[in-house]
Amino acid sequence: MEYELGFWKYKEGIYKNNQRVYTLLSRDEEVYGIDDLPTSDILEDLKEVFNDWKLVEENEYEKENSGFFQFTVKKNFVRFDCYQMDEDDMNKFIDIMYEYDCPLYDPQENKRFDERNDE
């Protein structure tokens, strides 16, 4: 099973159509009103939280019998593409990004899990 998870942070007072923002950020397009993220801190957190996983490529981790994931970390957007992972492992991404005030956007459900929940 493949599952995508997207994360970004709106600047104060900005809120847009989340599906459109996700699509544009996934295409590496610039979106007004999105805050920059501490990318090096996020990468360090990934290494720490998934330290028992094997780094296969620059942006891909795998673990026997636990699946694998690929990730994209850009200045204002983080995306995880999860393959055959269980929910507990995917929730670790949510926990990491929550520390940076980046709620989950689930493109499969077209829902951002924040206090606004506008679609």
PDB file of N, CA and C in Angstrom:
ATOM      1  N   MET A   1       0.832  -1.182   0.000  1.00  0.00           N
ATOM      2  CA  MET A   1       0.000   0.000   0.000  1.00  0.00           C
ATOM      3  C   MET A   1       0.880   1.250   0.000  1.00  0.00           C
ATOM      4  N   GLU A   2       0.561   2.185  -0.828  1.00  0.00           N
ATOM      5  CA  GLU A   2       1.273   3.454  -0.892  1.00  0.00           C
ATOM      6  C   GLU A   2       0.423   4.532  -0.231  1.00  0.00           C
ATOM      7  N   TYR A   3       1.086   5.408   0.520  1.00  0.00           N
ATOM      8  CA  TYR A   3       0.381   6.488   1.192  1.00  0.00           C
ATOM      9  C   TYR A   3       1.276   7.717   1.205  1.00  0.00           C
ATOM     10  N   GLU A   4       0.700   8.875   0.914  1.00  0.00           N
ATOM     11  CA  GLU A   4       1.441  10.131   0.905  1.00  0.00           C
ATOM     12  C   GLU A   4       1.038  10.973   2.107  1.00  0.00           C
ATOM     13  N   LEU A   5       2.009  11.673   2.671  1.00  0.00           N
ATOM     14  CA  LEU A   5       1.771  12.595   3.779  1.00  0.00           C
ATOM     15  C   LEU A   5       2.494  13.897   3.451  1.00  0.00           C
ATOM     16  N   GLY A   6       1.806  15.017   3.582  1.00  0.00           N
ATOM     17  CA  GLY A   6       2.404  16.306   3.279  1.00  0.00           C
ATOM     18  C   GLY A   6       2.354  17.246   4.473  1.00  0.00           C
ATOM     19  N   PHE A   7       3.372  18.101   4.584  1.00  0.00           N
ATOM     20  CA  PHE A   7       3.470  19.021   5.712  1.00  0.00           C
ATOM     21  C   PHE A   7       4.014  20.368   5.259  1.00  0.00           C
ATOM     22  N   TRP A   8       3.390  21.437   5.713  1.00  0.00           N
ATOM     23  CA  TRP A   8       3.877  22.789   5.519  1.00  0.00           C
ATOM     24  C   TRP A   8       3.258  23.655   6.602  1.00  0.00           C
ATOM     25  N   LYS A   9       3.750  24.880   6.691  1.00  0.00           N
ATOM     26  CA  LYS A   9       3.268  25.815   7.712  1.00  0.00           C
ATOM     27  C   LYS A   9       2.878  27.116   7.041  1.00  0.00           C
ATOM     28  N   TYR A  10       1.635  27.529   7.267  1.00  0.00           N
ATOM     29  CA  TYR A  10       1.188  28.818   6.748  1.00  0.00           C
ATOM     30  C   TYR A  10       1.750  29.951   7.595  1.00  0.00           C
ATOM     31  N   LYS A  11       2.028  31.065   6.954  1.00  0.00           N
ATOM     32  CA  LYS A  11       2.393  32.270   7.697  1.00  0.00           C
ATOM     33  C   LYS A  11       1.154  32.772   8.435  1.00  0.00           C
ATOM     34  N   GLU A  12       1.371  33.542   9.465  1.00  0.00           N
ATOM     35  CA  GLU A  12       0.278  34.087  10.284  1.00  0.00           C
ATOM     36  C   GLU A  12      -0.754  34.800   9.407  1.00  0.00           C
ATOM     37  N   GLY A  13      -2.027  34.450   9.594  1.00  0.00           N
ATOM     38  CA  GLY A  13      -3.113  35.106   8.877  1.00  0.00           C
ATOM     39  C   GLY A  13      -3.367  34.577   7.477  1.00  0.00           C
ATOM     40  N   ILE A  14      -2.611  33.594   7.030  1.00  0.00           N
ATOM     41  CA  ILE A  14      -2.759  33.026   5.677  1.00  0.00           C
ATOM     42  C   ILE A  14      -3.367  31.638   5.793  1.00  0.00           C
ATOM     43  N   TYR A  15      -4.309  31.358   4.922  1.00  0.00           N
ATOM     44  CA  TYR A  15      -4.866  30.004   4.814  1.00  0.00           C
ATOM     45  C   TYR A  15      -5.432  29.862   3.417  1.00  0.00           C
ATOM     46  N   LYS A  16      -5.064  28.794   2.730  1.00  0.00           N
ATOM     47  CA  LYS A  16      -5.432  28.634   1.325  1.00  0.00           C
ATOM     48  C   LYS A  16      -6.079  27.278   1.090  1.00  0.00           C
ATOM     49  N   ASN A  17      -6.416  27.026  -0.154  1.00  0.00           N
ATOM     50  CA  ASN A  17      -6.941  25.720  -0.544  1.00  0.00           C
ATOM     51  C   ASN A  17      -5.823  24.698  -0.406  1.00  0.00           C
ATOM     52  N   ASN A  18      -5.993  23.787   0.537  1.00  0.00           N
ATOM     53  CA  ASN A  18      -4.922  22.853   0.876  1.00  0.00           C
ATOM     54  C   ASN A  18      -4.548  21.911  -0.260  1.00  0.00           C
ATOM     55  N   GLN A  19      -5.518  21.445  -1.010  1.00  0.00           N
ATOM     56  CA  GLN A  19      -5.215  20.545  -2.130  1.00  0.00           C
ATOM     57  C   GLN A  19      -4.361  21.266  -3.166  1.00  0.00           C
ATOM     58  N   ARG A  20      -4.710  22.508  -3.434  1.00  0.00           N
ATOM     59  CA  ARG A  20      -3.946  23.302  -4.413  1.00  0.00           C
ATOM     60  C   ARG A  20      -2.520  23.554  -3.901  1.00  0.00           C
ATOM     61  N   VAL A  21      -2.405  23.920  -2.628  1.00  0.00           N
ATOM     62  CA  VAL A  21      -1.082  24.155  -2.042  1.00  0.00           C
ATOM     63  C   VAL A  21      -0.242  22.888  -2.119  1.00  0.00           C
ATOM     64  N   TYR A  22      -0.820  21.753  -1.745  1.00  0.00           N
ATOM     65  CA  TYR A  22      -0.094  20.479  -1.780  1.00  0.00           C
ATOM     66  C   TYR A  22       0.395  20.167  -3.197  1.00  0.00           C
ATOM     67  N   THR A  23      -0.480  20.343  -4.162  1.00  0.00           N
ATOM     68  CA  THR A  23      -0.125  20.070  -5.558  1.00  0.00           C
ATOM     69  C   THR A  23       1.022  20.969  -6.021  1.00  0.00           C
ATOM     70  N   LEU A  24       0.918  22.253  -5.729  1.00  0.00           N
ATOM     71  CA  LEU A  24       1.964  23.192  -6.150  1.00  0.00           C
ATOM     72  C   LEU A  24       3.289  22.905  -5.457  1.00  0.00           C
ATOM     73  N   LEU A  25       3.250  22.674  -4.151  1.00  0.00           N
ATOM     74  CA  LEU A  25       4.486  22.387  -3.424  1.00  0.00           C
ATOM     75  C   LEU A  25       5.105  21.065  -3.886  1.00  0.00           C
ATOM     76  N   SER A  26       4.271  20.079  -4.204  1.00  0.00           N
ATOM     77  CA  SER A  26       4.775  18.801  -4.709  1.00  0.00           C
ATOM     78  C   SER A  26       5.470  18.962  -6.049  1.00  0.00           C
ATOM     79  N   ARG A  27       5.050  19.952  -6.821  1.00  0.00           N
ATOM     80  CA  ARG A  27       5.677  20.243  -8.115  1.00  0.00           C
ATOM     81  C   ARG A  27       6.861  21.196  -7.977  1.00  0.00           C
ATOM     82  N   ASP A  28       7.213  21.523  -6.745  1.00  0.00           N
ATOM     83  CA  ASP A  28       8.325  22.419  -6.452  1.00  0.00           C
ATOM     84  C   ASP A  28       8.053  23.839  -6.937  1.00  0.00           C
ATOM     85  N   GLU A  29       6.769  24.236  -6.913  1.00  0.00           N
ATOM     86  CA  GLU A  29       6.410  25.592  -7.298  1.00  0.00           C
ATOM     87  C   GLU A  29       6.322  26.460  -6.048  1.00  0.00           C
ATOM     88  N   GLU A  30       6.561  27.736  -6.224  1.00  0.00           N
ATOM     89  CA  GLU A  30       6.526  28.699  -5.120  1.00  0.00           C
ATOM     90  C   GLU A  30       5.070  29.007  -4.765  1.00  0.00           C
ATOM     91  N   VAL A  31       4.775  29.067  -3.471  1.00  0.00           N
ATOM     92  CA  VAL A  31       3.439  29.401  -2.993  1.00  0.00           C
ATOM     93  C   VAL A  31       3.572  30.519  -1.968  1.00  0.00           C
ATOM     94  N   TYR A  32       2.910  31.630  -2.223  1.00  0.00           N
ATOM     95  CA  TYR A  32       2.934  32.759  -1.300  1.00  0.00           C
ATOM     96  C   TYR A  32       2.255  32.364   0.014  1.00  0.00           C
ATOM     97  N   GLY A  33       2.843  32.792   1.128  1.00  0.00           N
ATOM     98  CA  GLY A  33       2.215  32.599   2.426  1.00  0.00           C
ATOM     99  C   GLY A  33       2.630  31.343   3.169  1.00  0.00           C
ATOM    100  N   ILE A  34       3.661  30.669   2.664  1.00  0.00           N
ATOM    101  CA  ILE A  34       4.143  29.446   3.305  1.00  0.00           C
ATOM    102  C   ILE A  34       5.475  29.761   3.990  1.00  0.00           C
ATOM    103  N   ASP A  35       5.591  29.419   5.268  1.00  0.00           N
ATOM    104  CA  ASP A  35       6.812  29.673   6.041  1.00  0.00           C
ATOM    105  C   ASP A  35       7.923  28.696   5.668  1.00  0.00           C
ATOM    106  N   ASP A  36       9.154  29.160   5.770  1.00  0.00           N
ATOM    107  CA  ASP A  36      10.308  28.273   5.635  1.00  0.00           C
ATOM    108  C   ASP A  36      10.392  27.365   6.862  1.00  0.00           C
ATOM    109  N   LEU A  37      10.975  26.205   6.673  1.00  0.00           N
ATOM    110  CA  LEU A  37      11.094  25.209   7.731  1.00  0.00           C
ATOM    111  C   LEU A  37      12.565  24.974   8.069  1.00  0.00           C
ATOM    112  N   PRO A  38      12.845  24.524   9.299  1.00  0.00           N
ATOM    113  CA  PRO A  38      14.224  24.207   9.679  1.00  0.00           C
ATOM    114  C   PRO A  38      14.620  22.832   9.127  1.00  0.00           C
ATOM    115  N   THR A  39      14.971  22.801   7.863  1.00  0.00           N
ATOM    116  CA  THR A  39      15.177  21.527   7.166  1.00  0.00           C
ATOM    117  C   THR A  39      16.263  20.659   7.792  1.00  0.00           C
ATOM    118  N   SER A  40      17.362  21.256   8.224  1.00  0.00           N
ATOM    119  CA  SER A  40      18.426  20.430   8.814  1.00  0.00           C
ATOM    120  C   SER A  40      17.968  19.788  10.116  1.00  0.00           C
ATOM    121  N   ASP A  41      17.166  20.495  10.901  1.00  0.00           N
ATOM    122  CA  ASP A  41      16.619  19.911  12.135  1.00  0.00           C
ATOM    123  C   ASP A  41      15.669  18.753  11.825  1.00  0.00           C
ATOM    124  N   ILE A  42      14.851  18.929  10.819  1.00  0.00           N
ATOM    125  CA  ILE A  42      13.914  17.873  10.419  1.00  0.00           C
ATOM    126  C   ILE A  42      14.676  16.631   9.976  1.00  0.00           C
ATOM    127  N   LEU A  43      15.720  16.818   9.178  1.00  0.00           N
ATOM    128  CA  LEU A  43      16.522  15.679   8.719  1.00  0.00           C
ATOM    129  C   LEU A  43      17.199  14.967   9.898  1.00  0.00           C
ATOM    130  N   GLU A  44      17.676  15.735  10.858  1.00  0.00           N
ATOM    131  CA  GLU A  44      18.281  15.129  12.056  1.00  0.00           C
ATOM    132  C   GLU A  44      17.243  14.331  12.847  1.00  0.00           C
ATOM    133  N   ASP A  45      16.045  14.866  12.979  1.00  0.00           N
ATOM    134  CA  ASP A  45      14.973  14.159  13.683  1.00  0.00           C
ATOM    135  C   ASP A  45      14.630  12.848  12.984  1.00  0.00           C
ATOM    136  N   LEU A  46      14.594  12.877  11.663  1.00  0.00           N
ATOM    137  CA  LEU A  46      14.326  11.647  10.908  1.00  0.00           C
ATOM    138  C   LEU A  46      15.383  10.593  11.201  1.00  0.00           C
ATOM    139  N   LYS A  47      16.651  11.013  11.175  1.00  0.00           N
ATOM    140  CA  LYS A  47      17.744  10.077  11.465  1.00  0.00           C
ATOM    141  C   LYS A  47      17.603   9.474  12.852  1.00  0.00           C
ATOM    142  N   GLU A  48      17.251  10.309  13.808  1.00  0.00           N
ATOM    143  CA  GLU A  48      17.139   9.852  15.196  1.00  0.00           C
ATOM    144  C   GLU A  48      15.946   8.919  15.391  1.00  0.00           C
ATOM    145  N   VAL A  49      14.786   9.324  14.896  1.00  0.00           N
ATOM    146  CA  VAL A  49      13.566   8.540  15.105  1.00  0.00           C
ATOM    147  C   VAL A  49      13.619   7.217  14.339  1.00  0.00           C
ATOM    148  N   PHE A  50      14.212   7.224  13.154  1.00  0.00           N
ATOM    149  CA  PHE A  50      14.290   6.019  12.329  1.00  0.00           C
ATOM    150  C   PHE A  50      15.704   5.438  12.329  1.00  0.00           C
ATOM    151  N   ASN A  51      16.375   5.493  13.483  1.00  0.00           N
ATOM    152  CA  ASN A  51      17.759   5.028  13.565  1.00  0.00           C
ATOM    153  C   ASN A  51      17.913   3.523  13.397  1.00  0.00           C
ATOM    154  N   ASP A  52      16.828   2.782  13.552  1.00  0.00           N
ATOM    155  CA  ASP A  52      16.907   1.335  13.334  1.00  0.00           C
ATOM    156  C   ASP A  52      16.487   0.952  11.910  1.00  0.00           C
ATOM    157  N   TRP A  53      16.260   1.946  11.073  1.00  0.00           N
ATOM    158  CA  TRP A  53      15.960   1.739   9.661  1.00  0.00           C
ATOM    159  C   TRP A  53      17.247   1.973   8.873  1.00  0.00           C
ATOM    160  N   LYS A  54      17.324   1.372   7.703  1.00  0.00           N
ATOM    161  CA  LYS A  54      18.506   1.504   6.851  1.00  0.00           C
ATOM    162  C   LYS A  54      18.286   2.619   5.825  1.00  0.00           C
ATOM    163  N   LEU A  55      19.230   3.550   5.772  1.00  0.00           N
ATOM    164  CA  LEU A  55      19.210   4.594   4.757  1.00  0.00           C
ATOM    165  C   LEU A  55      19.736   3.973   3.465  1.00  0.00           C
ATOM    166  N   VAL A  56      18.841   3.803   2.487  1.00  0.00           N
ATOM    167  CA  VAL A  56      19.180   3.118   1.241  1.00  0.00           C
ATOM    168  C   VAL A  56      19.700   4.106   0.203  1.00  0.00           C
ATOM    169  N   GLU A  57      19.019   5.181   0.053  1.00  0.00           N
ATOM    170  CA  GLU A  57      19.387   6.261  -0.856  1.00  0.00           C
ATOM    171  C   GLU A  57      19.448   7.532  -0.018  1.00  0.00           C
ATOM    172  N   GLU A  58      19.784   8.609  -0.650  1.00  0.00           N
ATOM    173  CA  GLU A  58      19.857   9.881   0.068  1.00  0.00           C
ATOM    174  C   GLU A  58      18.525  10.229   0.726  1.00  0.00           C
ATOM    175  N   ASN A  59      17.430   9.824   0.131  1.00  0.00           N
ATOM    176  CA  ASN A  59      16.112  10.187   0.652  1.00  0.00           C
ATOM    177  C   ASN A  59      15.183   8.976   0.796  1.00  0.00           C
ATOM    178  N   GLU A  60      15.732   7.832   1.138  1.00  0.00           N
ATOM    179  CA  GLU A  60      14.902   6.626   1.256  1.00  0.00           C
ATOM    180  C   GLU A  60      15.407   5.733   2.390  1.00  0.00           C
ATOM    181  N   TYR A  61      14.468   5.362   3.246  1.00  0.00           N
ATOM    182  CA  TYR A  61      14.756   4.427   4.341  1.00  0.00           C
ATOM    183  C   TYR A  61      13.953   3.157   4.134  1.00  0.00           C
ATOM    184  N   GLU A  62      14.501   2.035   4.597  1.00  0.00           N
ATOM    185  CA  GLU A  62      13.767   0.782   4.568  1.00  0.00           C
ATOM    186  C   GLU A  62      14.092  -0.024   5.818  1.00  0.00           C
ATOM    187  N   LYS A  63      13.163  -0.917   6.140  1.00  0.00           N
ATOM    188  CA  LYS A  63      13.372  -1.821   7.267  1.00  0.00           C
ATOM    189  C   LYS A  63      12.673  -3.125   6.925  1.00  0.00           C
ATOM    190  N   GLU A  64      13.407  -4.204   7.081  1.00  0.00           N
ATOM    191  CA  GLU A  64      12.850  -5.513   6.748  1.00  0.00           C
ATOM    192  C   GLU A  64      11.545  -5.734   7.514  1.00  0.00           C
ATOM    193  N   ASN A  65      10.538  -6.186   6.808  1.00  0.00           N
ATOM    194  CA  ASN A  65       9.202  -6.461   7.351  1.00  0.00           C
ATOM    195  C   ASN A  65       8.474  -5.225   7.853  1.00  0.00           C
ATOM    196  N   SER A  66       8.977  -4.031   7.538  1.00  0.00           N
ATOM    197  CA  SER A  66       8.306  -2.800   7.966  1.00  0.00           C
ATOM    198  C   SER A  66       8.045  -1.851   6.809  1.00  0.00           C
ATOM    199  N   GLY A  67       8.449  -2.221   5.603  1.00  0.00           N
ATOM    200  CA  GLY A  67       8.230  -1.377   4.447  1.00  0.00           C
ATOM    201  C   GLY A  67       9.370  -0.399   4.226  1.00  0.00           C
ATOM    202  N   PHE A  68       9.069   0.656   3.481  1.00  0.00           N
ATOM    203  CA  PHE A  68      10.057   1.692   3.224  1.00  0.00           C
ATOM    204  C   PHE A  68       9.358   3.002   2.949  1.00  0.00           C
ATOM    205  N   PHE A  69      10.118   4.081   3.020  1.00  0.00           N
ATOM    206  CA  PHE A  69       9.566   5.390   2.695  1.00  0.00           C
ATOM    207  C   PHE A  69      10.613   6.233   1.999  1.00  0.00           C
ATOM    208  N   GLN A  70      10.115   7.103   1.165  1.00  0.00           N
ATOM    209  CA  GLN A  70      10.925   8.112   0.505  1.00  0.00           C
ATOM    210  C   GLN A  70      10.458   9.458   1.040  1.00  0.00           C
ATOM    211  N   PHE A  71      11.349  10.420   1.067  1.00  0.00           N
ATOM    212  CA  PHE A  71      10.948  11.724   1.572  1.00  0.00           C
ATOM    213  C   PHE A  71      11.558  12.831   0.746  1.00  0.00           C
ATOM    214  N   THR A  72      10.858  13.938   0.758  1.00  0.00           N
ATOM    215  CA  THR A  72      11.311  15.161   0.118  1.00  0.00           C
ATOM    216  C   THR A  72      11.278  16.242   1.182  1.00  0.00           C
ATOM    217  N   VAL A  73      12.398  16.878   1.418  1.00  0.00           N
ATOM    218  CA  VAL A  73      12.461  17.973   2.379  1.00  0.00           C
ATOM    219  C   VAL A  73      12.953  19.201   1.619  1.00  0.00           C
ATOM    220  N   LYS A  74      12.078  20.185   1.524  1.00  0.00           N
ATOM    221  CA  LYS A  74      12.411  21.433   0.843  1.00  0.00           C
ATOM    222  C   LYS A  74      12.300  22.573   1.835  1.00  0.00           C
ATOM    223  N   LYS A  75      12.638  23.767   1.421  1.00  0.00           N
ATOM    224  CA  LYS A  75      12.688  24.891   2.356  1.00  0.00           C
ATOM    225  C   LYS A  75      11.353  25.161   3.045  1.00  0.00           C
ATOM    226  N   ASN A  76      10.243  24.800   2.426  1.00  0.00           N
ATOM    227  CA  ASN A  76       8.946  25.086   3.042  1.00  0.00           C
ATOM    228  C   ASN A  76       7.944  23.932   2.919  1.00  0.00           C
ATOM    229  N   PHE A  77       8.427  22.732   2.625  1.00  0.00           N
ATOM    230  CA  PHE A  77       7.522  21.604   2.380  1.00  0.00           C
ATOM    231  C   PHE A  77       8.243  20.292   2.656  1.00  0.00           C
ATOM    232  N   VAL A  78       7.528  19.388   3.319  1.00  0.00           N
ATOM    233  CA  VAL A  78       8.040  18.042   3.557  1.00  0.00           C
ATOM    234  C   VAL A  78       6.971  17.054   3.115  1.00  0.00           C
ATOM    235  N   ARG A  79       7.396  16.059   2.362  1.00  0.00           N
ATOM    236  CA  ARG A  79       6.473  15.031   1.882  1.00  0.00           C
ATOM    237  C   ARG A  79       7.093  13.660   2.120  1.00  0.00           C
ATOM    238  N   PHE A  80       6.255  12.746   2.603  1.00  0.00           N
ATOM    239  CA  PHE A  80       6.666  11.365   2.806  1.00  0.00           C
ATOM    240  C   PHE A  80       5.806  10.479   1.915  1.00  0.00           C
ATOM    241  N   ASP A  81       6.457   9.613   1.158  1.00  0.00           N
ATOM    242  CA  ASP A  81       5.781   8.601   0.359  1.00  0.00           C
ATOM    243  C   ASP A  81       6.070   7.269   1.044  1.00  0.00           C
ATOM    244  N   CYS A  82       5.025   6.680   1.602  1.00  0.00           N
ATOM    245  CA  CYS A  82       5.153   5.490   2.444  1.00  0.00           C
ATOM    246  C   CYS A  82       4.675   4.256   1.676  1.00  0.00           C
ATOM    247  N   TYR A  83       5.424   3.176   1.803  1.00  0.00           N
ATOM    248  CA  TYR A  83       5.103   1.934   1.098  1.00  0.00           C
ATOM    249  C   TYR A  83       5.117   0.778   2.097  1.00  0.00           C
ATOM    250  N   GLN A  84       3.991   0.131   2.235  1.00  0.00           N
ATOM    251  CA  GLN A  84       3.851  -1.047   3.095  1.00  0.00           C
ATOM    252  C   GLN A  84       4.265  -0.768   4.540  1.00  0.00           C
ATOM    253  N   MET A  85       4.055   0.459   4.986  1.00  0.00           N
ATOM    254  CA  MET A  85       4.380   0.828   6.370  1.00  0.00           C
ATOM    255  C   MET A  85       3.133   0.706   7.230  1.00  0.00           C
ATOM    256  N   ASP A  86       3.348   0.390   8.508  1.00  0.00           N
ATOM    257  CA  ASP A  86       2.187   0.352   9.393  1.00  0.00           C
ATOM    258  C   ASP A  86       1.890   1.753   9.924  1.00  0.00           C
ATOM    259  N   GLU A  87       0.705   1.905  10.435  1.00  0.00           N
ATOM    260  CA  GLU A  87       0.222   3.205  10.878  1.00  0.00           C
ATOM    261  C   GLU A  87       1.091   3.800  11.991  1.00  0.00           C
ATOM    262  N   ASP A  88       1.567   2.969  12.904  1.00  0.00           N
ATOM    263  CA  ASP A  88       2.410   3.477  13.997  1.00  0.00           C
ATOM    264  C   ASP A  88       3.674   4.142  13.474  1.00  0.00           C
ATOM    265  N   ASP A  89       4.291   3.539  12.471  1.00  0.00           N
ATOM    266  CA  ASP A  89       5.492   4.149  11.900  1.00  0.00           C
ATOM    267  C   ASP A  89       5.161   5.439  11.160  1.00  0.00           C
ATOM    268  N   MET A  90       4.050   5.469  10.435  1.00  0.00           N
ATOM    269  CA  MET A  90       3.669   6.693   9.730  1.00  0.00           C
ATOM    270  C   MET A  90       3.320   7.809  10.717  1.00  0.00           C
ATOM    271  N   ASN A  91       2.773   7.452  11.870  1.00  0.00           N
ATOM    272  CA  ASN A  91       2.455   8.461  12.884  1.00  0.00           C
ATOM    273  C   ASN A  91       3.714   9.146  13.417  1.00  0.00           C
ATOM    274  N   LYS A  92       4.851   8.501  13.297  1.00  0.00           N
ATOM    275  CA  LYS A  92       6.109   9.128  13.730  1.00  0.00           C
ATOM    276  C   LYS A  92       6.402  10.378  12.899  1.00  0.00           C
ATOM    277  N   PHE A  93       6.040  10.351  11.616  1.00  0.00           N
ATOM    278  CA  PHE A  93       6.214  11.542  10.778  1.00  0.00           C
ATOM    279  C   PHE A  93       5.359  12.690  11.308  1.00  0.00           C
ATOM    280  N   ILE A  94       4.136  12.372  11.667  1.00  0.00           N
ATOM    281  CA  ILE A  94       3.213  13.379  12.190  1.00  0.00           C
ATOM    282  C   ILE A  94       3.779  13.981  13.473  1.00  0.00           C
ATOM    283  N   ASP A  95       4.316  13.130  14.348  1.00  0.00           N
ATOM    284  CA  ASP A  95       4.893  13.609  15.604  1.00  0.00           C
ATOM    285  C   ASP A  95       6.102  14.522  15.355  1.00  0.00           C
ATOM    286  N   ILE A  96       6.966  14.124  14.430  1.00  0.00           N
ATOM    287  CA  ILE A  96       8.137  14.951  14.115  1.00  0.00           C
ATOM    288  C   ILE A  96       7.687  16.323  13.618  1.00  0.00           C
ATOM    289  N   MET A  97       6.794  16.337  12.664  1.00  0.00           N
ATOM    290  CA  MET A  97       6.401  17.589  12.035  1.00  0.00           C
ATOM    291  C   MET A  97       5.545  18.459  12.951  1.00  0.00           C
ATOM    292  N   TYR A  98       4.838  17.846  13.874  1.00  0.00           N
ATOM    293  CA  TYR A  98       4.051  18.601  14.855  1.00  0.00           C
ATOM    294  C   TYR A  98       4.966  19.516  15.685  1.00  0.00           C
ATOM    295  N   GLU A  99       6.176  19.046  15.946  1.00  0.00           N
ATOM    296  CA  GLU A  99       7.139  19.842  16.706  1.00  0.00           C
ATOM    297  C   GLU A  99       7.508  21.137  15.986  1.00  0.00           C
ATOM    298  N   TYR A 100       7.269  21.198  14.688  1.00  0.00           N
ATOM    299  CA  TYR A 100       7.578  22.386  13.891  1.00  0.00           C
ATOM    300  C   TYR A 100       6.307  23.110  13.447  1.00  0.00           C
ATOM    301  N   ASP A 101       5.206  22.842  14.153  1.00  0.00           N
ATOM    302  CA  ASP A 101       3.912  23.476  13.869  1.00  0.00           C
ATOM    303  C   ASP A 101       3.431  23.216  12.440  1.00  0.00           C
ATOM    304  N   CYS A 102       3.700  22.008  11.950  1.00  0.00           N
ATOM    305  CA  CYS A 102       3.277  21.613  10.610  1.00  0.00           C
ATOM    306  C   CYS A 102       2.273  20.464  10.726  1.00  0.00           C
ATOM    307  N   PRO A 103       0.984  20.775  10.638  1.00  0.00           N
ATOM    308  CA  PRO A 103       0.001  19.699  10.698  1.00  0.00           C
ATOM    309  C   PRO A 103       0.019  18.856   9.425  1.00  0.00           C
ATOM    310  N   LEU A 104      -0.461  17.653   9.564  1.00  0.00           N
ATOM    311  CA  LEU A 104      -0.553  16.722   8.435  1.00  0.00           C
ATOM    312  C   LEU A 104      -1.585  17.194   7.425  1.00  0.00           C
ATOM    313  N   TYR A 105      -1.218  17.108   6.156  1.00  0.00           N
ATOM    314  CA  TYR A 105      -2.196  17.176   5.070  1.00  0.00           C
ATOM    315  C   TYR A 105      -2.218  15.792   4.441  1.00  0.00           C
ATOM    316  N   ASP A 106      -3.398  15.190   4.418  1.00  0.00           N
ATOM    317  CA  ASP A 106      -3.575  13.861   3.840  1.00  0.00           C
ATOM    318  C   ASP A 106      -4.220  14.024   2.468  1.00  0.00           C
ATOM    319  N   PRO A 107      -3.444  13.903   1.383  1.00  0.00           N
ATOM    320  CA  PRO A 107      -4.010  14.099   0.048  1.00  0.00           C
ATOM    321  C   PRO A 107      -4.990  13.006  -0.366  1.00  0.00           C
ATOM    322  N   GLN A 108      -4.900  11.836   0.249  1.00  0.00           N
ATOM    323  CA  GLN A 108      -5.855  10.774  -0.067  1.00  0.00           C
ATOM    324  C   GLN A 108      -7.262  11.156   0.396  1.00  0.00           C
ATOM    325  N   GLU A 109      -7.338  11.915   1.486  1.00  0.00           N
ATOM    326  CA  GLU A 109      -8.628  12.356   2.032  1.00  0.00           C
ATOM    327  C   GLU A 109      -8.914  13.825   1.748  1.00  0.00           C
ATOM    328  N   ASN A 110      -7.949  14.531   1.142  1.00  0.00           N
ATOM    329  CA  ASN A 110      -8.049  15.968   0.923  1.00  0.00           C
ATOM    330  C   ASN A 110      -8.397  16.675   2.234  1.00  0.00           C
ATOM    331  N   LYS A 111      -7.614  16.374   3.276  1.00  0.00           N
ATOM    332  CA  LYS A 111      -7.887  16.944   4.591  1.00  0.00           C
ATOM    333  C   LYS A 111      -6.584  17.329   5.270  1.00  0.00           C
ATOM    334  N   ARG A 112      -6.575  18.539   5.812  1.00  0.00           N
ATOM    335  CA  ARG A 112      -5.457  19.024   6.627  1.00  0.00           C
ATOM    336  C   ARG A 112      -5.897  18.939   8.078  1.00  0.00           C
ATOM    337  N   PHE A 113      -5.094  18.322   8.891  1.00  0.00           N
ATOM    338  CA  PHE A 113      -5.453  18.070  10.277  1.00  0.00           C
ATOM    339  C   PHE A 113      -4.926  19.194  11.172  1.00  0.00           C
ATOM    340  N   ASP A 114      -5.593  20.318  11.087  1.00  0.00           N
ATOM    341  CA  ASP A 114      -5.289  21.445  11.950  1.00  0.00           C
ATOM    342  C   ASP A 114      -6.594  21.996  12.506  1.00  0.00           C
ATOM    343  N   GLU A 115      -6.489  23.096  13.203  1.00  0.00           N
ATOM    344  CA  GLU A 115      -7.679  23.629  13.850  1.00  0.00           C
ATOM    345  C   GLU A 115      -8.710  24.164  12.862  1.00  0.00           C
ATOM    346  N   ARG A 116      -8.323  24.430  11.614  1.00  0.00           N
ATOM    347  CA  ARG A 116      -9.251  25.005  10.648  1.00  0.00           C
ATOM    348  C   ARG A 116      -9.961  23.964   9.799  1.00  0.00           C
ATOM    349  N   ASN A 117      -9.278  22.955   9.339  1.00  0.00           N
ATOM    350  CA  ASN A 117      -9.865  21.886   8.524  1.00  0.00           C
ATOM    351  C   ASN A 117     -10.597  22.371   7.280  1.00  0.00           C
ATOM    352  N   ASP A 118     -10.258  23.554   6.761  1.00  0.00           N
ATOM    353  CA  ASP A 118     -10.809  23.968   5.470  1.00  0.00           C
ATOM    354  C   ASP A 118     -10.158  23.105   4.392  1.00  0.00           C
ATOM    355  N   GLU A 119     -10.877  22.813   3.344  1.00  0.00           N
ATOM    356  CA  GLU A 119     -10.306  21.946   2.299  1.00  0.00           C
ATOM    357  C   GLU A 119      -9.890  22.728   1.088  1.00  0.00           C
TER     358      GLU A 119
END
